[in-house]
Amino acid sequence: MLPALLLMAWWFRRRSERDEELAELTVAAELGDDVAMGNLAAGLHLKGDRDGALHWWGRAWAAGNVVAGFNLGMLHAVAGDANRAQVIWEKTAALGDPDAMLGLVKQALERGDAAGVERWAPVILAQDEAFPITALGVAFRDRGDLERAMQVFLRSEELGDGYAMEYRAQILDGWGRREEAGALRARAAGAERML
């Protein structure tokens, strides 16, 4: 009985801390802090308050918070409003956000829109951030374009990403190139996993 009471006390204390944190974020957000707006939206989203998250991510995006723009687009995409997500991600991607670019590429792949893929995939590949590049490779792999996935994973490998090495090894295994896959996995074991 005692451990359950201690757990319950911890839960109530932690819940109270979260509520206090959200209250502090609300004050800062209402004073115009776009980072606080974005963080408040994320906290509300975690609590299941979609309308609150939508409101604050919208305000943060309007105030120039690029991360909030991506999150706002994602909220619309998950809700099934791909058009609204695309409009927001186009603006966010134009500001250089690789996550928004990736969202646009995924949408274009789903629609079979080669021009949409070609608009943003090269921009993602030109960056020196392994995570969006590897995620781009996964998107191609998941759509069955293994040749293009391999090229993208190679670019991410140049940046040292162990995940890209592992994904490429999986494709090589599928092609029956087990020795090459094994050597790549050995390299991946010592490589950094980029997030």
N, C-alpha and C. Protein backbone atom coordinates (compact mmCIF):
# COMPACT_ATOMS: atom_id res chain seq x y z
N MET A 1 0.83 -1.21 0.00
CA MET A 1 0.00 0.00 0.00
C MET A 1 0.86 1.26 0.00
N LEU A 2 1.92 1.25 0.78
CA LEU A 2 2.78 2.43 0.86
C LEU A 2 3.40 2.80 -0.49
N PRO A 3 3.97 1.84 -1.28
CA PRO A 3 4.52 2.24 -2.57
C PRO A 3 3.47 2.87 -3.49
N ALA A 4 2.25 2.39 -3.45
CA ALA A 4 1.20 2.97 -4.28
C ALA A 4 0.91 4.41 -3.85
N LEU A 5 0.91 4.66 -2.54
CA LEU A 5 0.68 6.02 -2.06
C LEU A 5 1.82 6.94 -2.45
N LEU A 6 3.06 6.44 -2.36
CA LEU A 6 4.20 7.25 -2.77
C LEU A 6 4.14 7.56 -4.26
N LEU A 7 3.79 6.57 -5.05
CA LEU A 7 3.66 6.78 -6.48
C LEU A 7 2.58 7.81 -6.78
N MET A 8 1.46 7.71 -6.08
CA MET A 8 0.36 8.65 -6.28
C MET A 8 0.80 10.06 -5.88
N ALA A 9 1.54 10.18 -4.79
CA ALA A 9 2.01 11.49 -4.34
C ALA A 9 2.97 12.09 -5.37
N TRP A 10 3.87 11.24 -5.92
CA TRP A 10 4.78 11.70 -6.95
C TRP A 10 4.01 12.18 -8.17
N TRP A 11 3.01 11.39 -8.58
CA TRP A 11 2.22 11.74 -9.76
C TRP A 11 1.53 13.09 -9.57
N PHE A 12 0.90 13.30 -8.40
CA PHE A 12 0.21 14.56 -8.15
C PHE A 12 1.21 15.72 -8.11
N ARG A 13 2.39 15.49 -7.48
CA ARG A 13 3.39 16.55 -7.42
C ARG A 13 3.89 16.87 -8.83
N ARG A 14 4.16 15.83 -9.64
CA ARG A 14 4.63 16.05 -11.01
C ARG A 14 3.56 16.74 -11.85
N ARG A 15 2.31 16.32 -11.65
CA ARG A 15 1.20 16.96 -12.38
C ARG A 15 1.13 18.44 -12.01
N SER A 16 1.30 18.73 -10.73
CA SER A 16 1.28 20.10 -10.26
C SER A 16 2.43 20.90 -10.86
N GLU A 17 3.63 20.26 -10.95
CA GLU A 17 4.78 20.93 -11.56
C GLU A 17 4.51 21.23 -13.03
N ARG A 18 3.89 20.29 -13.74
CA ARG A 18 3.57 20.53 -15.15
C ARG A 18 2.57 21.66 -15.29
N ASP A 19 1.55 21.67 -14.42
CA ASP A 19 0.56 22.74 -14.48
C ASP A 19 1.21 24.09 -14.19
N GLU A 20 2.14 24.12 -13.22
CA GLU A 20 2.85 25.36 -12.92
C GLU A 20 3.70 25.80 -14.11
N GLU A 21 4.36 24.83 -14.75
CA GLU A 21 5.18 25.13 -15.92
C GLU A 21 4.32 25.69 -17.05
N LEU A 22 3.16 25.08 -17.28
CA LEU A 22 2.25 25.57 -18.32
C LEU A 22 1.75 26.97 -17.97
N ALA A 23 1.50 27.21 -16.69
CA ALA A 23 1.04 28.55 -16.28
C ALA A 23 2.13 29.59 -16.55
N GLU A 24 3.39 29.24 -16.24
CA GLU A 24 4.50 30.16 -16.51
C GLU A 24 4.66 30.40 -18.02
N LEU A 25 4.53 29.33 -18.79
CA LEU A 25 4.62 29.47 -20.24
C LEU A 25 3.49 30.33 -20.79
N THR A 26 2.31 30.19 -20.21
CA THR A 26 1.16 30.99 -20.65
C THR A 26 1.43 32.47 -20.45
N VAL A 27 1.99 32.83 -19.29
CA VAL A 27 2.30 34.24 -19.01
C VAL A 27 3.29 34.76 -20.04
N ALA A 28 4.37 34.00 -20.27
CA ALA A 28 5.39 34.43 -21.23
C ALA A 28 4.82 34.49 -22.65
N ALA A 29 3.98 33.52 -22.99
CA ALA A 29 3.38 33.49 -24.33
C ALA A 29 2.47 34.69 -24.52
N GLU A 30 1.68 35.00 -23.53
CA GLU A 30 0.78 36.15 -23.64
C GLU A 30 1.53 37.47 -23.72
N LEU A 31 2.79 37.47 -23.24
CA LEU A 31 3.63 38.67 -23.35
C LEU A 31 4.35 38.73 -24.70
N GLY A 32 4.12 37.71 -25.56
CA GLY A 32 4.66 37.76 -26.91
C GLY A 32 5.90 36.92 -27.16
N ASP A 33 6.33 36.11 -26.21
CA ASP A 33 7.52 35.26 -26.40
C ASP A 33 7.16 34.09 -27.31
N ASP A 34 7.67 34.11 -28.56
CA ASP A 34 7.29 33.09 -29.53
C ASP A 34 7.81 31.70 -29.16
N VAL A 35 8.93 31.61 -28.46
CA VAL A 35 9.43 30.31 -28.01
C VAL A 35 8.51 29.76 -26.93
N ALA A 36 8.09 30.61 -26.00
CA ALA A 36 7.15 30.18 -24.97
C ALA A 36 5.83 29.74 -25.60
N MET A 37 5.40 30.46 -26.64
CA MET A 37 4.17 30.07 -27.35
C MET A 37 4.30 28.66 -27.91
N GLY A 38 5.43 28.39 -28.56
CA GLY A 38 5.66 27.07 -29.14
C GLY A 38 5.74 25.99 -28.08
N ASN A 39 6.43 26.28 -26.97
CA ASN A 39 6.55 25.31 -25.88
C ASN A 39 5.20 25.08 -25.19
N LEU A 40 4.43 26.13 -25.05
CA LEU A 40 3.10 26.00 -24.47
C LEU A 40 2.23 25.12 -25.36
N ALA A 41 2.30 25.36 -26.66
CA ALA A 41 1.54 24.54 -27.61
C ALA A 41 1.92 23.07 -27.49
N ALA A 42 3.22 22.81 -27.39
CA ALA A 42 3.68 21.42 -27.25
C ALA A 42 3.16 20.80 -25.96
N GLY A 43 3.20 21.56 -24.87
CA GLY A 43 2.68 21.06 -23.59
C GLY A 43 1.19 20.79 -23.64
N LEU A 44 0.45 21.68 -24.28
CA LEU A 44 -0.99 21.48 -24.41
C LEU A 44 -1.29 20.29 -25.30
N HIS A 45 -0.50 20.13 -26.35
CA HIS A 45 -0.69 18.99 -27.25
C HIS A 45 -0.47 17.68 -26.48
N LEU A 46 0.56 17.64 -25.64
CA LEU A 46 0.82 16.45 -24.83
C LEU A 46 -0.33 16.16 -23.86
N LYS A 47 -0.99 17.20 -23.41
CA LYS A 47 -2.14 17.02 -22.51
C LYS A 47 -3.41 16.65 -23.27
N GLY A 48 -3.34 16.64 -24.59
CA GLY A 48 -4.51 16.29 -25.39
C GLY A 48 -5.38 17.48 -25.78
N ASP A 49 -4.87 18.68 -25.55
CA ASP A 49 -5.62 19.89 -25.89
C ASP A 49 -5.24 20.35 -27.29
N ARG A 50 -5.85 19.74 -28.30
CA ARG A 50 -5.52 20.05 -29.70
C ARG A 50 -5.85 21.50 -30.04
N ASP A 51 -6.98 22.00 -29.57
CA ASP A 51 -7.37 23.38 -29.89
C ASP A 51 -6.39 24.38 -29.30
N GLY A 52 -5.96 24.13 -28.05
CA GLY A 52 -4.97 25.00 -27.43
C GLY A 52 -3.64 24.96 -28.17
N ALA A 53 -3.23 23.75 -28.56
CA ALA A 53 -1.98 23.60 -29.31
C ALA A 53 -2.08 24.33 -30.64
N LEU A 54 -3.19 24.17 -31.31
CA LEU A 54 -3.42 24.82 -32.60
C LEU A 54 -3.34 26.34 -32.45
N HIS A 55 -3.98 26.85 -31.41
CA HIS A 55 -3.96 28.30 -31.15
C HIS A 55 -2.54 28.82 -30.94
N TRP A 56 -1.80 28.18 -30.03
CA TRP A 56 -0.49 28.71 -29.68
C TRP A 56 0.57 28.44 -30.74
N TRP A 57 0.50 27.29 -31.43
CA TRP A 57 1.43 27.10 -32.53
C TRP A 57 1.13 28.10 -33.65
N GLY A 58 -0.16 28.40 -33.86
CA GLY A 58 -0.52 29.41 -34.85
C GLY A 58 0.03 30.77 -34.50
N ARG A 59 -0.09 31.15 -33.24
CA ARG A 59 0.44 32.45 -32.81
C ARG A 59 1.96 32.48 -32.89
N ALA A 60 2.60 31.38 -32.48
CA ALA A 60 4.07 31.32 -32.54
C ALA A 60 4.55 31.41 -33.98
N TRP A 61 3.86 30.71 -34.87
CA TRP A 61 4.21 30.74 -36.30
C TRP A 61 4.03 32.16 -36.84
N ALA A 62 2.94 32.80 -36.50
CA ALA A 62 2.69 34.17 -36.95
C ALA A 62 3.75 35.14 -36.42
N ALA A 63 4.33 34.79 -35.25
CA ALA A 63 5.38 35.63 -34.65
C ALA A 63 6.76 35.31 -35.22
N GLY A 64 6.85 34.31 -36.13
CA GLY A 64 8.12 34.02 -36.79
C GLY A 64 8.85 32.80 -36.29
N ASN A 65 8.23 31.99 -35.45
CA ASN A 65 8.87 30.78 -34.92
C ASN A 65 8.76 29.67 -35.97
N VAL A 66 9.87 29.33 -36.62
CA VAL A 66 9.89 28.37 -37.71
C VAL A 66 9.53 26.96 -37.21
N VAL A 67 10.05 26.59 -36.05
CA VAL A 67 9.73 25.26 -35.50
C VAL A 67 8.23 25.14 -35.27
N ALA A 68 7.62 26.20 -34.79
CA ALA A 68 6.17 26.19 -34.59
C ALA A 68 5.45 26.01 -35.92
N GLY A 69 6.00 26.58 -36.98
CA GLY A 69 5.41 26.40 -38.30
C GLY A 69 5.40 24.94 -38.72
N PHE A 70 6.52 24.26 -38.49
CA PHE A 70 6.55 22.83 -38.80
C PHE A 70 5.52 22.08 -37.97
N ASN A 71 5.49 22.35 -36.66
CA ASN A 71 4.56 21.65 -35.77
C ASN A 71 3.10 21.94 -36.12
N LEU A 72 2.82 23.16 -36.49
CA LEU A 72 1.47 23.53 -36.90
C LEU A 72 1.08 22.75 -38.15
N GLY A 73 1.98 22.68 -39.11
CA GLY A 73 1.73 21.90 -40.31
C GLY A 73 1.51 20.43 -39.99
N MET A 74 2.32 19.90 -39.07
CA MET A 74 2.18 18.50 -38.69
C MET A 74 0.82 18.25 -38.03
N LEU A 75 0.39 19.17 -37.20
CA LEU A 75 -0.92 19.03 -36.54
C LEU A 75 -2.03 18.95 -37.59
N HIS A 76 -1.93 19.77 -38.62
CA HIS A 76 -2.93 19.74 -39.69
C HIS A 76 -2.81 18.45 -40.50
N ALA A 77 -1.58 18.02 -40.78
CA ALA A 77 -1.38 16.79 -41.55
C ALA A 77 -1.97 15.58 -40.82
N VAL A 78 -1.72 15.49 -39.52
CA VAL A 78 -2.24 14.37 -38.73
C VAL A 78 -3.77 14.41 -38.68
N ALA A 79 -4.33 15.61 -38.70
CA ALA A 79 -5.79 15.76 -38.67
C ALA A 79 -6.41 15.49 -40.05
N GLY A 80 -5.57 15.25 -41.05
CA GLY A 80 -6.09 14.93 -42.37
C GLY A 80 -6.22 16.12 -43.31
N ASP A 81 -5.73 17.27 -42.90
CA ASP A 81 -5.81 18.47 -43.75
C ASP A 81 -4.46 18.68 -44.43
N ALA A 82 -4.18 17.85 -45.44
CA ALA A 82 -2.89 17.89 -46.14
C ALA A 82 -2.68 19.23 -46.85
N ASN A 83 -3.74 19.84 -47.34
CA ASN A 83 -3.59 21.12 -48.05
C ASN A 83 -3.10 22.22 -47.13
N ARG A 84 -3.71 22.31 -45.96
CA ARG A 84 -3.29 23.34 -45.00
C ARG A 84 -1.86 23.07 -44.54
N ALA A 85 -1.54 21.78 -44.29
CA ALA A 85 -0.18 21.43 -43.89
C ALA A 85 0.80 21.85 -44.98
N GLN A 86 0.46 21.60 -46.23
CA GLN A 86 1.35 21.93 -47.33
C GLN A 86 1.60 23.44 -47.42
N VAL A 87 0.56 24.22 -47.26
CA VAL A 87 0.71 25.68 -47.33
C VAL A 87 1.67 26.17 -46.25
N ILE A 88 1.48 25.67 -45.04
CA ILE A 88 2.34 26.10 -43.92
C ILE A 88 3.77 25.60 -44.14
N TRP A 89 3.90 24.32 -44.54
CA TRP A 89 5.24 23.77 -44.74
C TRP A 89 5.97 24.45 -45.89
N GLU A 90 5.26 24.87 -46.92
CA GLU A 90 5.92 25.59 -48.02
C GLU A 90 6.58 26.86 -47.49
N LYS A 91 5.86 27.59 -46.67
CA LYS A 91 6.41 28.83 -46.11
C LYS A 91 7.56 28.52 -45.16
N THR A 92 7.41 27.48 -44.36
CA THR A 92 8.44 27.10 -43.39
C THR A 92 9.68 26.58 -44.11
N ALA A 93 9.49 25.77 -45.14
CA ALA A 93 10.61 25.24 -45.91
C ALA A 93 11.37 26.37 -46.60
N ALA A 94 10.64 27.36 -47.08
CA ALA A 94 11.29 28.50 -47.74
C ALA A 94 12.20 29.25 -46.78
N LEU A 95 11.95 29.11 -45.48
CA LEU A 95 12.80 29.73 -44.47
C LEU A 95 13.97 28.82 -44.07
N GLY A 96 14.04 27.64 -44.71
CA GLY A 96 15.18 26.75 -44.49
C GLY A 96 14.96 25.59 -43.55
N ASP A 97 13.73 25.34 -43.12
CA ASP A 97 13.48 24.26 -42.17
C ASP A 97 13.50 22.90 -42.87
N PRO A 98 14.48 22.03 -42.57
CA PRO A 98 14.57 20.75 -43.25
C PRO A 98 13.41 19.80 -42.91
N ASP A 99 12.84 19.92 -41.72
CA ASP A 99 11.71 19.06 -41.37
C ASP A 99 10.49 19.38 -42.23
N ALA A 100 10.25 20.66 -42.46
CA ALA A 100 9.14 21.04 -43.34
C ALA A 100 9.41 20.56 -44.77
N MET A 101 10.67 20.67 -45.21
CA MET A 101 11.02 20.18 -46.54
C MET A 101 10.73 18.68 -46.64
N LEU A 102 11.09 17.95 -45.61
CA LEU A 102 10.85 16.51 -45.58
C LEU A 102 9.36 16.21 -45.61
N GLY A 103 8.57 16.97 -44.86
CA GLY A 103 7.12 16.80 -44.90
C GLY A 103 6.57 17.01 -46.30
N LEU A 104 7.10 18.00 -47.00
CA LEU A 104 6.66 18.27 -48.37
C LEU A 104 7.05 17.14 -49.32
N VAL A 105 8.26 16.61 -49.14
CA VAL A 105 8.70 15.50 -49.98
C VAL A 105 7.80 14.28 -49.75
N LYS A 106 7.50 14.00 -48.48
CA LYS A 106 6.63 12.85 -48.18
C LYS A 106 5.25 13.02 -48.80
N GLN A 107 4.71 14.23 -48.71
CA GLN A 107 3.42 14.49 -49.34
C GLN A 107 3.51 14.29 -50.85
N ALA A 108 4.57 14.80 -51.45
CA ALA A 108 4.74 14.67 -52.91
C ALA A 108 4.88 13.21 -53.30
N LEU A 109 5.60 12.42 -52.51
CA LEU A 109 5.73 11.00 -52.79
C LEU A 109 4.37 10.30 -52.74
N GLU A 110 3.56 10.67 -51.75
CA GLU A 110 2.23 10.06 -51.62
C GLU A 110 1.34 10.40 -52.82
N ARG A 111 1.51 11.61 -53.36
CA ARG A 111 0.69 12.05 -54.50
C ARG A 111 1.28 11.61 -55.83
N GLY A 112 2.51 11.10 -55.81
CA GLY A 112 3.17 10.78 -57.07
C GLY A 112 3.62 12.02 -57.82
N ASP A 113 3.91 13.07 -57.08
CA ASP A 113 4.28 14.37 -57.63
C ASP A 113 5.81 14.48 -57.71
N ALA A 114 6.37 14.07 -58.85
CA ALA A 114 7.83 14.08 -59.03
C ALA A 114 8.41 15.49 -58.92
N ALA A 115 7.69 16.49 -59.41
CA ALA A 115 8.18 17.87 -59.34
C ALA A 115 8.29 18.33 -57.89
N GLY A 116 7.34 17.95 -57.06
CA GLY A 116 7.40 18.30 -55.64
C GLY A 116 8.57 17.65 -54.95
N VAL A 117 8.85 16.40 -55.31
CA VAL A 117 10.01 15.69 -54.73
C VAL A 117 11.29 16.40 -55.17
N GLU A 118 11.38 16.70 -56.47
CA GLU A 118 12.60 17.32 -57.01
C GLU A 118 12.81 18.74 -56.53
N ARG A 119 11.76 19.37 -56.07
CA ARG A 119 11.91 20.73 -55.56
C ARG A 119 12.65 20.75 -54.23
N TRP A 120 12.34 19.78 -53.34
CA TRP A 120 12.87 19.84 -51.99
C TRP A 120 13.95 18.81 -51.67
N ALA A 121 13.93 17.65 -52.30
CA ALA A 121 14.93 16.62 -51.97
C ALA A 121 16.36 17.12 -52.16
N PRO A 122 16.69 17.80 -53.27
CA PRO A 122 18.07 18.28 -53.43
C PRO A 122 18.47 19.31 -52.36
N VAL A 123 17.51 20.08 -51.89
CA VAL A 123 17.82 21.08 -50.86
C VAL A 123 18.15 20.38 -49.55
N ILE A 124 17.41 19.32 -49.24
CA ILE A 124 17.71 18.54 -48.03
C ILE A 124 19.10 17.91 -48.16
N LEU A 125 19.38 17.33 -49.31
CA LEU A 125 20.67 16.66 -49.53
C LEU A 125 21.85 17.63 -49.47
N ALA A 126 21.63 18.88 -49.80
CA ALA A 126 22.70 19.87 -49.81
C ALA A 126 23.09 20.35 -48.41
N GLN A 127 22.27 20.03 -47.43
CA GLN A 127 22.56 20.46 -46.07
C GLN A 127 23.56 19.51 -45.42
N ASP A 128 24.08 19.91 -44.30
CA ASP A 128 25.04 19.09 -43.57
C ASP A 128 24.43 18.54 -42.28
N GLU A 129 23.13 18.28 -42.32
CA GLU A 129 22.42 17.68 -41.19
C GLU A 129 22.05 16.26 -41.56
N ALA A 130 22.60 15.28 -40.85
CA ALA A 130 22.37 13.88 -41.21
C ALA A 130 20.93 13.44 -41.00
N PHE A 131 20.30 13.88 -39.92
CA PHE A 131 18.97 13.35 -39.61
C PHE A 131 17.96 13.55 -40.74
N PRO A 132 17.76 14.77 -41.27
CA PRO A 132 16.77 14.89 -42.34
C PRO A 132 17.17 14.14 -43.60
N ILE A 133 18.47 14.02 -43.84
CA ILE A 133 18.91 13.28 -45.02
C ILE A 133 18.57 11.80 -44.86
N THR A 134 18.88 11.25 -43.69
CA THR A 134 18.54 9.84 -43.45
C THR A 134 17.04 9.63 -43.52
N ALA A 135 16.27 10.56 -42.95
CA ALA A 135 14.80 10.45 -43.01
C ALA A 135 14.31 10.51 -44.44
N LEU A 136 14.98 11.28 -45.28
CA LEU A 136 14.63 11.33 -46.71
C LEU A 136 14.88 9.96 -47.35
N GLY A 137 16.00 9.36 -47.01
CA GLY A 137 16.29 8.02 -47.52
C GLY A 137 15.24 7.00 -47.09
N VAL A 138 14.80 7.11 -45.85
CA VAL A 138 13.75 6.21 -45.35
C VAL A 138 12.46 6.43 -46.14
N ALA A 139 12.15 7.68 -46.45
CA ALA A 139 10.93 7.97 -47.23
C ALA A 139 11.00 7.32 -48.61
N PHE A 140 12.15 7.42 -49.26
CA PHE A 140 12.31 6.77 -50.56
C PHE A 140 12.22 5.25 -50.41
N ARG A 141 12.89 4.71 -49.40
CA ARG A 141 12.85 3.26 -49.17
C ARG A 141 11.43 2.79 -48.95
N ASP A 142 10.69 3.51 -48.12
CA ASP A 142 9.32 3.12 -47.79
C ASP A 142 8.39 3.18 -49.00
N ARG A 143 8.73 4.01 -49.98
CA ARG A 143 7.94 4.10 -51.22
C ARG A 143 8.43 3.12 -52.28
N GLY A 144 9.46 2.32 -51.94
CA GLY A 144 9.95 1.30 -52.85
C GLY A 144 11.04 1.74 -53.81
N ASP A 145 11.51 2.98 -53.68
CA ASP A 145 12.57 3.48 -54.54
C ASP A 145 13.92 3.21 -53.87
N LEU A 146 14.37 1.96 -53.94
CA LEU A 146 15.57 1.53 -53.22
C LEU A 146 16.84 2.13 -53.80
N GLU A 147 16.89 2.33 -55.11
CA GLU A 147 18.09 2.94 -55.72
C GLU A 147 18.30 4.36 -55.18
N ARG A 148 17.22 5.10 -55.17
CA ARG A 148 17.34 6.48 -54.68
C ARG A 148 17.62 6.50 -53.19
N ALA A 149 17.00 5.59 -52.45
CA ALA A 149 17.25 5.49 -51.01
C ALA A 149 18.74 5.22 -50.76
N MET A 150 19.32 4.32 -51.55
CA MET A 150 20.74 4.01 -51.39
C MET A 150 21.61 5.24 -51.61
N GLN A 151 21.29 6.04 -52.61
CA GLN A 151 22.06 7.26 -52.89
C GLN A 151 21.96 8.24 -51.72
N VAL A 152 20.75 8.37 -51.19
CA VAL A 152 20.54 9.30 -50.08
C VAL A 152 21.26 8.80 -48.82
N PHE A 153 21.16 7.50 -48.55
CA PHE A 153 21.86 6.96 -47.38
C PHE A 153 23.37 7.16 -47.50
N LEU A 154 23.90 7.03 -48.71
CA LEU A 154 25.34 7.27 -48.91
C LEU A 154 25.71 8.70 -48.53
N ARG A 155 24.85 9.66 -48.89
CA ARG A 155 25.11 11.07 -48.54
C ARG A 155 25.13 11.23 -47.02
N SER A 156 24.21 10.58 -46.33
CA SER A 156 24.17 10.67 -44.88
C SER A 156 25.36 9.94 -44.25
N GLU A 157 25.80 8.88 -44.88
CA GLU A 157 26.99 8.18 -44.40
C GLU A 157 28.21 9.08 -44.46
N GLU A 158 28.29 9.93 -45.49
CA GLU A 158 29.39 10.89 -45.59
C GLU A 158 29.45 11.78 -44.35
N LEU A 159 28.30 12.00 -43.74
CA LEU A 159 28.23 12.81 -42.52
C LEU A 159 28.42 11.96 -41.26
N GLY A 160 28.64 10.66 -41.46
CA GLY A 160 28.95 9.77 -40.35
C GLY A 160 27.77 9.12 -39.65
N ASP A 161 26.58 9.13 -40.27
CA ASP A 161 25.40 8.61 -39.58
C ASP A 161 25.32 7.08 -39.61
N GLY A 162 25.39 6.47 -38.43
CA GLY A 162 25.29 5.02 -38.31
C GLY A 162 23.94 4.47 -38.71
N TYR A 163 22.88 5.24 -38.50
CA TYR A 163 21.55 4.78 -38.92
C TYR A 163 21.50 4.58 -40.44
N ALA A 164 22.05 5.53 -41.17
CA ALA A 164 22.06 5.42 -42.63
C ALA A 164 22.83 4.19 -43.08
N MET A 165 23.94 3.91 -42.39
CA MET A 165 24.72 2.72 -42.72
C MET A 165 23.90 1.45 -42.50
N GLU A 166 23.20 1.42 -41.39
CA GLU A 166 22.37 0.24 -41.07
C GLU A 166 21.24 0.08 -42.08
N TYR A 167 20.58 1.17 -42.44
CA TYR A 167 19.49 1.09 -43.42
C TYR A 167 20.01 0.62 -44.78
N ARG A 168 21.18 1.11 -45.15
CA ARG A 168 21.75 0.69 -46.43
C ARG A 168 22.14 -0.79 -46.37
N ALA A 169 22.65 -1.24 -45.23
CA ALA A 169 22.99 -2.65 -45.06
C ALA A 169 21.75 -3.53 -45.19
N GLN A 170 20.62 -3.07 -44.68
CA GLN A 170 19.37 -3.84 -44.81
C GLN A 170 18.99 -4.02 -46.27
N ILE A 171 19.15 -2.96 -47.05
CA ILE A 171 18.82 -3.05 -48.48
C ILE A 171 19.80 -4.01 -49.17
N LEU A 172 21.07 -3.89 -48.84
CA LEU A 172 22.07 -4.79 -49.43
C LEU A 172 21.75 -6.25 -49.10
N ASP A 173 21.33 -6.51 -47.87
CA ASP A 173 20.91 -7.87 -47.48
C ASP A 173 19.77 -8.35 -48.37
N GLY A 174 18.80 -7.47 -48.59
CA GLY A 174 17.66 -7.81 -49.43
C GLY A 174 18.05 -8.12 -50.86
N TRP A 175 19.14 -7.53 -51.30
CA TRP A 175 19.65 -7.77 -52.65
C TRP A 175 20.59 -8.97 -52.70
N GLY A 176 20.78 -9.61 -51.53
CA GLY A 176 21.66 -10.78 -51.48
C GLY A 176 23.14 -10.44 -51.38
N ARG A 177 23.47 -9.20 -51.11
CA ARG A 177 24.86 -8.77 -51.01
C ARG A 177 25.27 -8.77 -49.54
N ARG A 178 25.27 -9.96 -48.94
CA ARG A 178 25.44 -10.13 -47.50
C ARG A 178 26.83 -9.74 -46.99
N GLU A 179 27.84 -10.04 -47.77
CA GLU A 179 29.21 -9.70 -47.33
C GLU A 179 29.37 -8.18 -47.23
N GLU A 180 28.90 -7.49 -48.24
CA GLU A 180 28.97 -6.03 -48.26
C GLU A 180 28.13 -5.45 -47.11
N ALA A 181 26.96 -6.05 -46.88
CA ALA A 181 26.09 -5.60 -45.79
C ALA A 181 26.77 -5.81 -44.45
N GLY A 182 27.42 -6.95 -44.27
CA GLY A 182 28.12 -7.23 -43.02
C GLY A 182 29.23 -6.23 -42.74
N ALA A 183 30.00 -5.91 -43.77
CA ALA A 183 31.07 -4.93 -43.61
C ALA A 183 30.50 -3.55 -43.24
N LEU A 184 29.39 -3.21 -43.85
CA LEU A 184 28.76 -1.93 -43.55
C LEU A 184 28.22 -1.90 -42.12
N ARG A 185 27.65 -2.99 -41.69
CA ARG A 185 27.16 -3.07 -40.30
C ARG A 185 28.31 -2.94 -39.31
N ALA A 186 29.46 -3.51 -39.64
CA ALA A 186 30.63 -3.38 -38.77
C ALA A 186 31.04 -1.90 -38.65
N ARG A 187 31.00 -1.17 -39.76
CA ARG A 187 31.28 0.28 -39.71
C ARG A 187 30.22 1.01 -38.90
N ALA A 188 28.96 0.61 -39.08
CA ALA A 188 27.85 1.28 -38.38
C ALA A 188 27.97 1.11 -36.88
N ALA A 189 28.50 -0.03 -36.44
CA ALA A 189 28.61 -0.29 -35.00
C ALA A 189 29.46 0.76 -34.29
N GLY A 190 30.43 1.29 -34.98
CA GLY A 190 31.29 2.30 -34.37
C GLY A 190 30.93 3.72 -34.73
N ALA A 191 29.91 3.90 -35.53
CA ALA A 191 29.53 5.24 -36.00
C ALA A 191 28.53 5.89 -35.05
N GLU A 192 28.50 7.19 -35.12
CA GLU A 192 27.53 7.96 -34.33
C GLU A 192 26.15 7.82 -34.94
N ARG A 193 25.14 7.77 -34.09
CA ARG A 193 23.74 7.73 -34.55
C ARG A 193 23.21 9.15 -34.45
N MET A 194 22.99 9.77 -35.60
CA MET A 194 22.58 11.18 -35.64
C MET A 194 21.09 11.33 -35.43
N LEU A 195 20.74 12.26 -34.58
CA LEU A 195 19.33 12.57 -34.35
C LEU A 195 19.10 14.05 -34.52
